[in-house]
């Protein structure tokens, strides 16, 4: 009887794995370059830590990365802007984000690793940064350092939704295996 149940469970798992769709990725169009990003994975990791990051943010009057910043990225500066945003998250945010729950730490580490990987791919693009783009990112850093570092990191993690939405809008959805 146990053997029959075990075989049935294995067959069910095999069937489900065959029916599941391939991992979704997007090809982000960054000026004269393109980069493939698994936005579904980023969303999954982020959804696991989002409520914790937002609930701990008591600096609601301050915004680090709002939609208007991303909406106003100058033509030809998308690659640079994304590279600098990823750098900000990898070097300032994820290194200072702390959660008491191990699951949240694993998810933030996975997000950080994914951002490092995307940065590595963007590095091949040879993005050129204009003064206005650099000033925009400098203003984000200036707001970040106004807050206590752990609070600032928590706020930035809570605002990742805005970054992910912007990234998803950079290109059409494609399917990869």
N, C-alpha and C. Protein backbone atom coordinates (compact mmCIF):
# COMPACT_ATOMS: atom_id res chain seq x y z
N UNK A 1 0.81 -1.18 0.00
CA UNK A 1 0.00 0.00 0.00
C UNK A 1 0.87 1.27 0.00
N UNK A 2 1.94 1.26 0.87
CA UNK A 2 2.84 2.41 0.92
C UNK A 2 3.51 2.62 -0.44
N UNK A 3 3.90 1.54 -1.07
CA UNK A 3 4.58 1.61 -2.37
C UNK A 3 3.65 2.22 -3.41
N UNK A 4 2.39 1.87 -3.40
CA UNK A 4 1.42 2.39 -4.34
C UNK A 4 1.22 3.90 -4.13
N UNK A 5 1.12 4.33 -2.87
CA UNK A 5 0.98 5.76 -2.58
C UNK A 5 2.22 6.52 -2.99
N UNK A 6 3.38 5.95 -2.75
CA UNK A 6 4.63 6.59 -3.12
C UNK A 6 4.73 6.75 -4.64
N UNK A 7 4.37 5.73 -5.37
CA UNK A 7 4.40 5.80 -6.84
C UNK A 7 3.40 6.82 -7.36
N UNK A 8 2.21 6.85 -6.74
CA UNK A 8 1.19 7.83 -7.14
C UNK A 8 1.68 9.25 -6.90
N UNK A 9 2.32 9.46 -5.77
CA UNK A 9 2.84 10.80 -5.46
C UNK A 9 3.92 11.20 -6.46
N UNK A 10 4.80 10.27 -6.80
CA UNK A 10 5.86 10.55 -7.78
C UNK A 10 5.28 10.88 -9.15
N UNK A 11 4.27 10.12 -9.56
CA UNK A 11 3.64 10.38 -10.85
C UNK A 11 2.95 11.74 -10.86
N UNK A 12 2.31 12.10 -9.77
CA UNK A 12 1.66 13.40 -9.67
C UNK A 12 2.69 14.53 -9.76
N UNK A 13 3.79 14.39 -9.06
CA UNK A 13 4.85 15.40 -9.12
C UNK A 13 5.43 15.52 -10.53
N UNK A 14 5.63 14.39 -11.19
CA UNK A 14 6.14 14.39 -12.55
C UNK A 14 5.17 15.09 -13.49
N UNK A 15 3.89 14.79 -13.35
CA UNK A 15 2.87 15.41 -14.18
C UNK A 15 2.83 16.93 -13.96
N UNK A 16 2.86 17.34 -12.70
CA UNK A 16 2.83 18.77 -12.40
C UNK A 16 4.06 19.49 -12.94
N UNK A 17 5.22 18.86 -12.86
CA UNK A 17 6.43 19.51 -13.38
C UNK A 17 6.38 19.64 -14.90
N UNK A 18 5.74 18.69 -15.57
CA UNK A 18 5.61 18.77 -17.03
C UNK A 18 4.61 19.84 -17.45
N UNK A 19 3.59 20.06 -16.62
CA UNK A 19 2.55 21.03 -16.97
C UNK A 19 2.91 22.46 -16.59
N UNK A 20 3.87 22.62 -15.70
CA UNK A 20 4.21 23.98 -15.27
C UNK A 20 4.89 24.72 -16.41
N UNK A 21 4.63 26.04 -16.46
CA UNK A 21 5.20 26.82 -17.55
C UNK A 21 6.64 27.17 -17.25
N UNK A 22 7.42 27.46 -18.28
CA UNK A 22 8.82 27.81 -18.09
C UNK A 22 8.94 29.11 -17.28
N UNK A 23 10.11 29.30 -16.70
CA UNK A 23 10.35 30.51 -15.91
C UNK A 23 10.25 31.74 -16.81
N UNK A 24 9.50 32.72 -16.37
CA UNK A 24 9.32 33.94 -17.15
C UNK A 24 10.53 34.84 -17.00
N UNK A 25 10.95 35.39 -18.10
CA UNK A 25 12.01 36.38 -18.05
C UNK A 25 11.63 37.50 -18.98
N UNK A 26 12.26 38.61 -18.79
CA UNK A 26 12.03 39.77 -19.65
C UNK A 26 13.37 40.18 -20.23
N UNK A 27 13.30 40.57 -21.46
CA UNK A 27 14.48 41.17 -22.06
C UNK A 27 14.32 42.67 -21.88
N UNK A 28 15.16 43.23 -21.03
CA UNK A 28 15.10 44.65 -20.77
C UNK A 28 15.88 45.39 -21.86
N UNK A 29 15.23 46.34 -22.47
CA UNK A 29 15.87 47.13 -23.52
C UNK A 29 16.47 48.37 -22.89
N UNK A 30 17.78 48.38 -22.83
CA UNK A 30 18.52 49.44 -22.15
C UNK A 30 19.32 50.24 -23.18
N UNK A 31 18.64 51.16 -23.80
CA UNK A 31 19.28 52.00 -24.82
C UNK A 31 19.78 51.11 -25.95
N UNK A 32 21.07 50.97 -26.15
CA UNK A 32 21.58 50.17 -27.27
C UNK A 32 21.93 48.74 -26.85
N UNK A 33 21.46 48.32 -25.70
CA UNK A 33 21.81 47.01 -25.16
C UNK A 33 20.56 46.33 -24.60
N UNK A 34 20.61 45.02 -24.50
CA UNK A 34 19.50 44.26 -23.91
C UNK A 34 20.05 43.28 -22.88
N UNK A 35 19.27 43.07 -21.82
CA UNK A 35 19.65 42.15 -20.76
C UNK A 35 18.43 41.33 -20.39
N UNK A 36 18.61 40.03 -20.20
CA UNK A 36 17.52 39.16 -19.80
C UNK A 36 17.48 39.10 -18.27
N UNK A 37 16.27 39.29 -17.72
CA UNK A 37 16.09 39.31 -16.27
C UNK A 37 14.89 38.43 -15.92
N UNK A 38 15.06 37.60 -14.92
CA UNK A 38 13.98 36.75 -14.45
C UNK A 38 13.16 37.52 -13.41
N UNK A 39 12.26 38.34 -13.90
CA UNK A 39 11.47 39.20 -13.02
C UNK A 39 10.55 38.40 -12.10
N UNK A 40 10.13 37.22 -12.56
CA UNK A 40 9.28 36.38 -11.73
C UNK A 40 10.01 36.00 -10.44
N UNK A 41 11.29 35.64 -10.55
CA UNK A 41 12.08 35.29 -9.37
C UNK A 41 12.23 36.50 -8.45
N UNK A 42 12.53 37.66 -9.05
CA UNK A 42 12.68 38.87 -8.24
C UNK A 42 11.40 39.16 -7.47
N UNK A 43 10.27 39.04 -8.16
CA UNK A 43 8.97 39.27 -7.53
C UNK A 43 8.72 38.29 -6.39
N UNK A 44 9.07 37.03 -6.61
CA UNK A 44 8.85 36.00 -5.59
C UNK A 44 9.65 36.32 -4.33
N UNK A 45 10.93 36.60 -4.49
CA UNK A 45 11.76 36.93 -3.33
C UNK A 45 11.26 38.20 -2.64
N UNK A 46 10.90 39.18 -3.45
CA UNK A 46 10.44 40.44 -2.87
C UNK A 46 9.12 40.26 -2.13
N UNK A 47 8.21 39.47 -2.67
CA UNK A 47 6.91 39.28 -2.01
C UNK A 47 7.08 38.64 -0.64
N UNK A 48 8.14 37.86 -0.46
CA UNK A 48 8.39 37.22 0.83
C UNK A 48 8.86 38.20 1.91
N UNK A 49 9.46 39.32 1.50
CA UNK A 49 9.97 40.27 2.49
C UNK A 49 9.23 41.61 2.50
N UNK A 50 8.38 41.83 1.52
CA UNK A 50 7.72 43.13 1.35
C UNK A 50 6.97 43.60 2.59
N UNK A 51 6.07 42.77 3.10
CA UNK A 51 5.24 43.22 4.23
C UNK A 51 6.09 43.53 5.46
N UNK A 52 7.14 42.76 5.68
CA UNK A 52 8.03 43.03 6.81
C UNK A 52 8.74 44.36 6.64
N UNK A 53 9.21 44.64 5.42
CA UNK A 53 9.92 45.89 5.16
C UNK A 53 8.99 47.09 5.29
N UNK A 54 7.80 46.97 4.75
CA UNK A 54 6.85 48.09 4.79
C UNK A 54 6.34 48.34 6.21
N UNK A 55 6.06 47.28 6.93
CA UNK A 55 5.51 47.44 8.29
C UNK A 55 6.52 48.09 9.23
N UNK A 56 7.79 47.93 8.97
CA UNK A 56 8.81 48.52 9.83
C UNK A 56 9.23 49.92 9.41
N UNK A 57 8.65 50.44 8.35
CA UNK A 57 9.00 51.77 7.84
C UNK A 57 8.13 52.82 8.53
N UNK A 58 8.73 53.57 9.45
CA UNK A 58 7.97 54.61 10.13
C UNK A 58 8.32 56.02 9.63
N UNK A 59 9.08 56.08 8.56
CA UNK A 59 9.46 57.36 7.93
C UNK A 59 8.63 57.55 6.66
N UNK A 60 7.30 57.54 6.82
CA UNK A 60 6.42 57.53 5.65
C UNK A 60 6.44 58.82 4.83
N UNK A 61 6.91 59.90 5.41
CA UNK A 61 6.95 61.16 4.66
C UNK A 61 8.14 61.25 3.70
N UNK A 62 9.08 60.33 3.83
CA UNK A 62 10.27 60.34 2.98
C UNK A 62 10.15 59.25 1.92
N UNK A 63 10.49 59.61 0.69
CA UNK A 63 10.53 58.65 -0.42
C UNK A 63 11.95 58.68 -0.98
N UNK A 64 12.53 57.52 -1.16
CA UNK A 64 13.86 57.44 -1.77
C UNK A 64 13.73 57.34 -3.29
N UNK A 65 12.95 56.38 -3.74
CA UNK A 65 12.79 56.12 -5.17
C UNK A 65 11.30 56.13 -5.52
N UNK A 66 10.80 57.25 -5.96
CA UNK A 66 9.39 57.26 -6.35
C UNK A 66 9.26 57.14 -7.87
N UNK A 67 8.05 56.91 -8.29
CA UNK A 67 7.78 56.67 -9.71
C UNK A 67 8.20 57.83 -10.60
N UNK A 68 8.12 59.06 -10.09
CA UNK A 68 8.47 60.21 -10.92
C UNK A 68 9.96 60.20 -11.30
N UNK A 69 10.81 59.72 -10.40
CA UNK A 69 12.24 59.63 -10.73
C UNK A 69 12.46 58.71 -11.92
N UNK A 70 11.78 57.59 -11.91
CA UNK A 70 11.97 56.59 -12.95
C UNK A 70 11.25 56.97 -14.24
N UNK A 71 10.17 57.67 -14.09
CA UNK A 71 9.42 58.12 -15.25
C UNK A 71 10.22 59.17 -16.03
N UNK A 72 11.03 59.93 -15.33
CA UNK A 72 11.76 61.04 -15.92
C UNK A 72 13.20 60.71 -16.31
N UNK A 73 13.52 59.42 -16.43
CA UNK A 73 14.86 59.04 -16.88
C UNK A 73 15.01 59.51 -18.32
N UNK A 74 16.07 60.26 -18.57
CA UNK A 74 16.28 60.83 -19.91
C UNK A 74 16.56 59.74 -20.93
N UNK A 75 16.19 60.04 -22.16
CA UNK A 75 16.46 59.11 -23.26
C UNK A 75 17.96 58.86 -23.34
N UNK A 76 18.31 57.59 -23.52
CA UNK A 76 19.71 57.21 -23.61
C UNK A 76 20.36 56.99 -22.24
N UNK A 77 19.58 57.13 -21.16
CA UNK A 77 20.14 56.99 -19.82
C UNK A 77 19.55 55.81 -19.04
N UNK A 78 18.71 55.02 -19.69
CA UNK A 78 18.07 53.90 -19.01
C UNK A 78 19.10 52.91 -18.49
N UNK A 79 20.06 52.56 -19.30
CA UNK A 79 21.11 51.61 -18.91
C UNK A 79 21.87 52.12 -17.70
N UNK A 80 22.29 53.36 -17.78
CA UNK A 80 23.04 53.97 -16.68
C UNK A 80 22.20 54.03 -15.41
N UNK A 81 20.97 54.48 -15.54
CA UNK A 81 20.10 54.62 -14.38
C UNK A 81 19.90 53.28 -13.69
N UNK A 82 19.61 52.24 -14.47
CA UNK A 82 19.41 50.92 -13.89
C UNK A 82 20.69 50.43 -13.23
N UNK A 83 21.82 50.62 -13.89
CA UNK A 83 23.10 50.18 -13.31
C UNK A 83 23.34 50.87 -11.97
N UNK A 84 23.07 52.17 -11.89
CA UNK A 84 23.29 52.91 -10.65
C UNK A 84 22.29 52.53 -9.56
N UNK A 85 21.04 52.26 -9.94
CA UNK A 85 20.05 51.81 -8.97
C UNK A 85 20.44 50.44 -8.40
N UNK A 86 20.87 49.54 -9.28
CA UNK A 86 21.29 48.22 -8.81
C UNK A 86 22.50 48.35 -7.88
N UNK A 87 23.43 49.22 -8.24
CA UNK A 87 24.61 49.45 -7.40
C UNK A 87 24.18 49.96 -6.02
N UNK A 88 23.25 50.92 -6.00
CA UNK A 88 22.73 51.46 -4.75
C UNK A 88 22.16 50.33 -3.88
N UNK A 89 21.35 49.47 -4.47
CA UNK A 89 20.75 48.39 -3.70
C UNK A 89 21.78 47.38 -3.22
N UNK A 90 22.71 47.03 -4.07
CA UNK A 90 23.71 46.02 -3.69
C UNK A 90 24.66 46.56 -2.63
N UNK A 91 25.16 47.78 -2.83
CA UNK A 91 26.18 48.31 -1.94
C UNK A 91 25.66 49.00 -0.69
N UNK A 92 24.49 49.61 -0.75
CA UNK A 92 24.00 50.37 0.41
C UNK A 92 22.81 49.71 1.10
N UNK A 93 21.89 49.17 0.31
CA UNK A 93 20.64 48.70 0.89
C UNK A 93 20.76 47.28 1.45
N UNK A 94 21.08 46.32 0.60
CA UNK A 94 21.09 44.93 1.06
C UNK A 94 22.17 44.66 2.11
N UNK A 95 23.26 45.41 2.07
CA UNK A 95 24.30 45.22 3.09
C UNK A 95 23.85 45.72 4.46
N UNK A 96 22.83 46.58 4.49
CA UNK A 96 22.36 47.14 5.76
C UNK A 96 20.96 46.69 6.15
N UNK A 97 20.31 45.90 5.30
CA UNK A 97 18.96 45.44 5.61
C UNK A 97 19.05 44.24 6.55
N UNK A 98 18.37 44.34 7.67
CA UNK A 98 18.38 43.26 8.65
C UNK A 98 16.95 42.88 9.02
N UNK A 99 16.71 41.61 9.01
CA UNK A 99 15.42 41.09 9.46
C UNK A 99 15.70 40.05 10.52
N UNK A 100 14.82 39.96 11.48
CA UNK A 100 15.00 38.98 12.55
C UNK A 100 14.62 37.57 12.09
N UNK A 101 13.94 37.48 10.95
CA UNK A 101 13.49 36.18 10.47
C UNK A 101 14.47 35.62 9.42
N UNK A 102 14.97 34.40 9.64
CA UNK A 102 15.93 33.80 8.70
C UNK A 102 15.40 33.71 7.26
N UNK A 103 14.09 33.44 7.12
CA UNK A 103 13.49 33.34 5.77
C UNK A 103 13.65 34.67 5.03
N UNK A 104 13.45 35.78 5.72
CA UNK A 104 13.57 37.10 5.10
C UNK A 104 15.02 37.38 4.74
N UNK A 105 15.95 36.95 5.57
CA UNK A 105 17.37 37.14 5.27
C UNK A 105 17.76 36.36 4.01
N UNK A 106 17.24 35.15 3.88
CA UNK A 106 17.54 34.35 2.68
C UNK A 106 16.97 35.02 1.43
N UNK A 107 15.77 35.55 1.54
CA UNK A 107 15.15 36.21 0.38
C UNK A 107 15.88 37.50 0.01
N UNK A 108 16.29 38.27 1.01
CA UNK A 108 17.03 39.50 0.68
C UNK A 108 18.39 39.16 0.11
N UNK A 109 19.01 38.09 0.56
CA UNK A 109 20.29 37.64 -0.02
C UNK A 109 20.10 37.19 -1.46
N UNK A 110 19.00 36.48 -1.71
CA UNK A 110 18.71 36.03 -3.07
C UNK A 110 18.47 37.23 -4.00
N UNK A 111 17.76 38.24 -3.51
CA UNK A 111 17.55 39.46 -4.30
C UNK A 111 18.87 40.16 -4.58
N UNK A 112 19.70 40.27 -3.54
CA UNK A 112 21.01 40.91 -3.71
C UNK A 112 21.84 40.17 -4.74
N UNK A 113 21.84 38.84 -4.66
CA UNK A 113 22.60 38.04 -5.64
C UNK A 113 22.06 38.22 -7.05
N UNK A 114 20.74 38.29 -7.18
CA UNK A 114 20.14 38.51 -8.50
C UNK A 114 20.53 39.89 -9.04
N UNK A 115 20.53 40.89 -8.18
CA UNK A 115 20.94 42.24 -8.60
C UNK A 115 22.40 42.26 -9.02
N UNK A 116 23.26 41.54 -8.30
CA UNK A 116 24.67 41.45 -8.68
C UNK A 116 24.80 40.82 -10.06
N UNK A 117 24.04 39.78 -10.31
CA UNK A 117 24.07 39.11 -11.60
C UNK A 117 23.60 40.04 -12.73
N UNK A 118 22.53 40.78 -12.49
CA UNK A 118 22.04 41.72 -13.50
C UNK A 118 23.08 42.81 -13.74
N UNK A 119 23.68 43.29 -12.66
CA UNK A 119 24.75 44.32 -12.79
C UNK A 119 25.90 43.80 -13.66
N UNK A 120 26.26 42.55 -13.45
CA UNK A 120 27.35 41.94 -14.22
C UNK A 120 26.99 41.91 -15.71
N UNK A 121 25.75 41.59 -16.01
CA UNK A 121 25.31 41.57 -17.41
C UNK A 121 25.24 42.98 -17.99
N UNK A 122 24.80 43.94 -17.20
CA UNK A 122 24.74 45.32 -17.67
C UNK A 122 26.13 45.89 -17.90
N UNK A 123 27.09 45.42 -17.12
CA UNK A 123 28.47 45.91 -17.28
C UNK A 123 28.96 45.71 -18.71
N UNK A 124 28.48 44.65 -19.35
CA UNK A 124 28.86 44.37 -20.74
C UNK A 124 28.27 45.39 -21.71
N UNK A 125 27.28 46.14 -21.26
CA UNK A 125 26.59 47.11 -22.12
C UNK A 125 27.37 48.41 -22.31
N UNK A 126 28.32 48.69 -21.44
CA UNK A 126 29.10 49.93 -21.52
C UNK A 126 28.19 51.16 -21.51
N UNK A 127 27.39 51.26 -20.45
CA UNK A 127 26.46 52.39 -20.29
C UNK A 127 27.24 53.69 -20.09
N UNK A 128 26.72 54.74 -20.66
CA UNK A 128 27.32 56.06 -20.48
C UNK A 128 26.36 56.90 -19.64
N UNK A 129 26.88 57.50 -18.57
CA UNK A 129 26.03 58.25 -17.65
C UNK A 129 26.16 59.75 -17.87
N UNK A 130 25.00 60.38 -17.97
CA UNK A 130 24.95 61.83 -18.06
C UNK A 130 24.93 62.46 -16.69
N UNK A 131 25.19 63.76 -16.65
CA UNK A 131 25.21 64.49 -15.37
C UNK A 131 23.88 64.43 -14.65
N UNK A 132 22.80 64.60 -15.39
CA UNK A 132 21.47 64.61 -14.78
C UNK A 132 21.16 63.27 -14.11
N UNK A 133 21.52 62.18 -14.75
CA UNK A 133 21.28 60.84 -14.18
C UNK A 133 22.09 60.68 -12.90
N UNK A 134 23.34 61.10 -12.93
CA UNK A 134 24.19 60.99 -11.74
C UNK A 134 23.64 61.85 -10.61
N UNK A 135 23.16 63.05 -10.93
CA UNK A 135 22.57 63.92 -9.90
C UNK A 135 21.33 63.29 -9.29
N UNK A 136 20.52 62.62 -10.12
CA UNK A 136 19.31 61.96 -9.62
C UNK A 136 19.68 60.88 -8.61
N UNK A 137 20.64 60.06 -8.94
CA UNK A 137 21.07 58.99 -8.03
C UNK A 137 21.74 59.58 -6.80
N UNK A 138 22.49 60.65 -6.97
CA UNK A 138 23.10 61.33 -5.82
C UNK A 138 22.04 61.81 -4.85
N UNK A 139 20.90 62.29 -5.38
CA UNK A 139 19.81 62.75 -4.51
C UNK A 139 19.20 61.58 -3.73
N UNK A 140 19.15 60.40 -4.36
CA UNK A 140 18.66 59.20 -3.66
C UNK A 140 19.61 58.87 -2.51
N UNK A 141 20.91 58.91 -2.78
CA UNK A 141 21.91 58.65 -1.73
C UNK A 141 21.78 59.68 -0.61
N UNK A 142 21.56 60.95 -0.96
CA UNK A 142 21.44 62.01 0.04
C UNK A 142 20.25 61.76 0.97
N UNK A 143 19.11 61.34 0.41
CA UNK A 143 17.95 61.01 1.23
C UNK A 143 18.22 59.80 2.10
N UNK A 144 18.93 58.83 1.55
CA UNK A 144 19.26 57.60 2.27
C UNK A 144 20.08 57.93 3.52
N UNK A 145 21.09 58.78 3.37
CA UNK A 145 21.98 59.05 4.51
C UNK A 145 21.35 59.99 5.55
N UNK A 146 20.22 60.60 5.22
CA UNK A 146 19.52 61.42 6.21
C UNK A 146 18.90 60.56 7.30
N UNK A 147 18.65 59.30 6.97
CA UNK A 147 18.01 58.38 7.91
C UNK A 147 19.06 57.51 8.59
N UNK A 148 18.68 56.93 9.69
CA UNK A 148 19.54 55.92 10.32
C UNK A 148 19.67 54.78 9.33
N UNK A 149 20.85 54.21 9.19
CA UNK A 149 21.17 53.30 8.07
C UNK A 149 20.23 52.09 7.98
N UNK A 150 19.87 51.47 9.10
CA UNK A 150 18.97 50.32 9.04
C UNK A 150 17.57 50.73 8.63
N UNK A 151 17.12 51.88 9.11
CA UNK A 151 15.80 52.42 8.72
C UNK A 151 15.79 52.77 7.23
N UNK A 152 16.88 53.35 6.76
CA UNK A 152 16.98 53.72 5.35
C UNK A 152 16.97 52.48 4.47
N UNK A 153 17.68 51.44 4.89
CA UNK A 153 17.70 50.19 4.13
C UNK A 153 16.32 49.56 4.10
N UNK A 154 15.63 49.59 5.24
CA UNK A 154 14.28 49.03 5.30
C UNK A 154 13.35 49.79 4.37
N UNK A 155 13.45 51.11 4.36
CA UNK A 155 12.63 51.94 3.48
C UNK A 155 12.91 51.60 2.02
N UNK A 156 14.18 51.49 1.66
CA UNK A 156 14.55 51.18 0.27
C UNK A 156 14.05 49.80 -0.15
N UNK A 157 14.10 48.83 0.76
CA UNK A 157 13.55 47.50 0.44
C UNK A 157 12.05 47.61 0.25
N UNK A 158 11.39 48.39 1.08
CA UNK A 158 9.95 48.58 0.93
C UNK A 158 9.56 49.24 -0.38
N UNK A 159 10.48 50.02 -0.95
CA UNK A 159 10.23 50.71 -2.22
C UNK A 159 10.68 49.91 -3.45
N UNK A 160 11.15 48.71 -3.23
CA UNK A 160 11.60 47.88 -4.35
C UNK A 160 10.50 47.61 -5.36
N UNK A 161 9.26 47.63 -4.93
CA UNK A 161 8.14 47.40 -5.83
C UNK A 161 8.18 48.40 -7.00
N UNK A 162 8.50 49.63 -6.69
CA UNK A 162 8.59 50.67 -7.71
C UNK A 162 9.70 50.35 -8.71
N UNK A 163 10.82 49.89 -8.21
CA UNK A 163 11.96 49.53 -9.08
C UNK A 163 11.58 48.35 -9.97
N UNK A 164 10.95 47.34 -9.39
CA UNK A 164 10.58 46.15 -10.16
C UNK A 164 9.54 46.48 -11.23
N UNK A 165 8.57 47.33 -10.90
CA UNK A 165 7.59 47.75 -11.90
C UNK A 165 8.27 48.46 -13.06
N UNK A 166 9.20 49.33 -12.75
CA UNK A 166 9.93 50.07 -13.78
C UNK A 166 10.74 49.11 -14.66
N UNK A 167 11.41 48.16 -14.03
CA UNK A 167 12.19 47.18 -14.79
C UNK A 167 11.29 46.36 -15.71
N UNK A 168 10.15 45.95 -15.20
CA UNK A 168 9.22 45.14 -16.00
C UNK A 168 8.71 45.92 -17.21
N UNK A 169 8.62 47.21 -17.09
CA UNK A 169 8.14 48.05 -18.19
C UNK A 169 9.20 48.28 -19.26
N UNK A 170 10.43 47.88 -19.01
CA UNK A 170 11.52 48.12 -19.96
C UNK A 170 11.54 47.16 -21.14
N UNK A 171 10.72 46.13 -21.10
CA UNK A 171 10.75 45.20 -22.22
C UNK A 171 9.60 44.24 -22.22
N UNK A 172 9.37 43.61 -23.36
CA UNK A 172 8.29 42.63 -23.49
C UNK A 172 8.64 41.33 -22.76
N UNK A 173 7.61 40.62 -22.37
CA UNK A 173 7.79 39.33 -21.70
C UNK A 173 8.18 38.28 -22.73
N UNK A 174 9.16 37.45 -22.35
CA UNK A 174 9.55 36.32 -23.20
C UNK A 174 9.55 35.07 -22.32
N UNK A 175 9.51 33.93 -22.92
CA UNK A 175 9.54 32.68 -22.18
C UNK A 175 10.86 31.99 -22.44
N UNK A 176 11.50 31.53 -21.35
CA UNK A 176 12.74 30.75 -21.46
C UNK A 176 12.62 29.55 -20.57
N UNK A 177 13.43 28.57 -20.82
CA UNK A 177 13.44 27.38 -19.97
C UNK A 177 14.65 27.38 -19.11
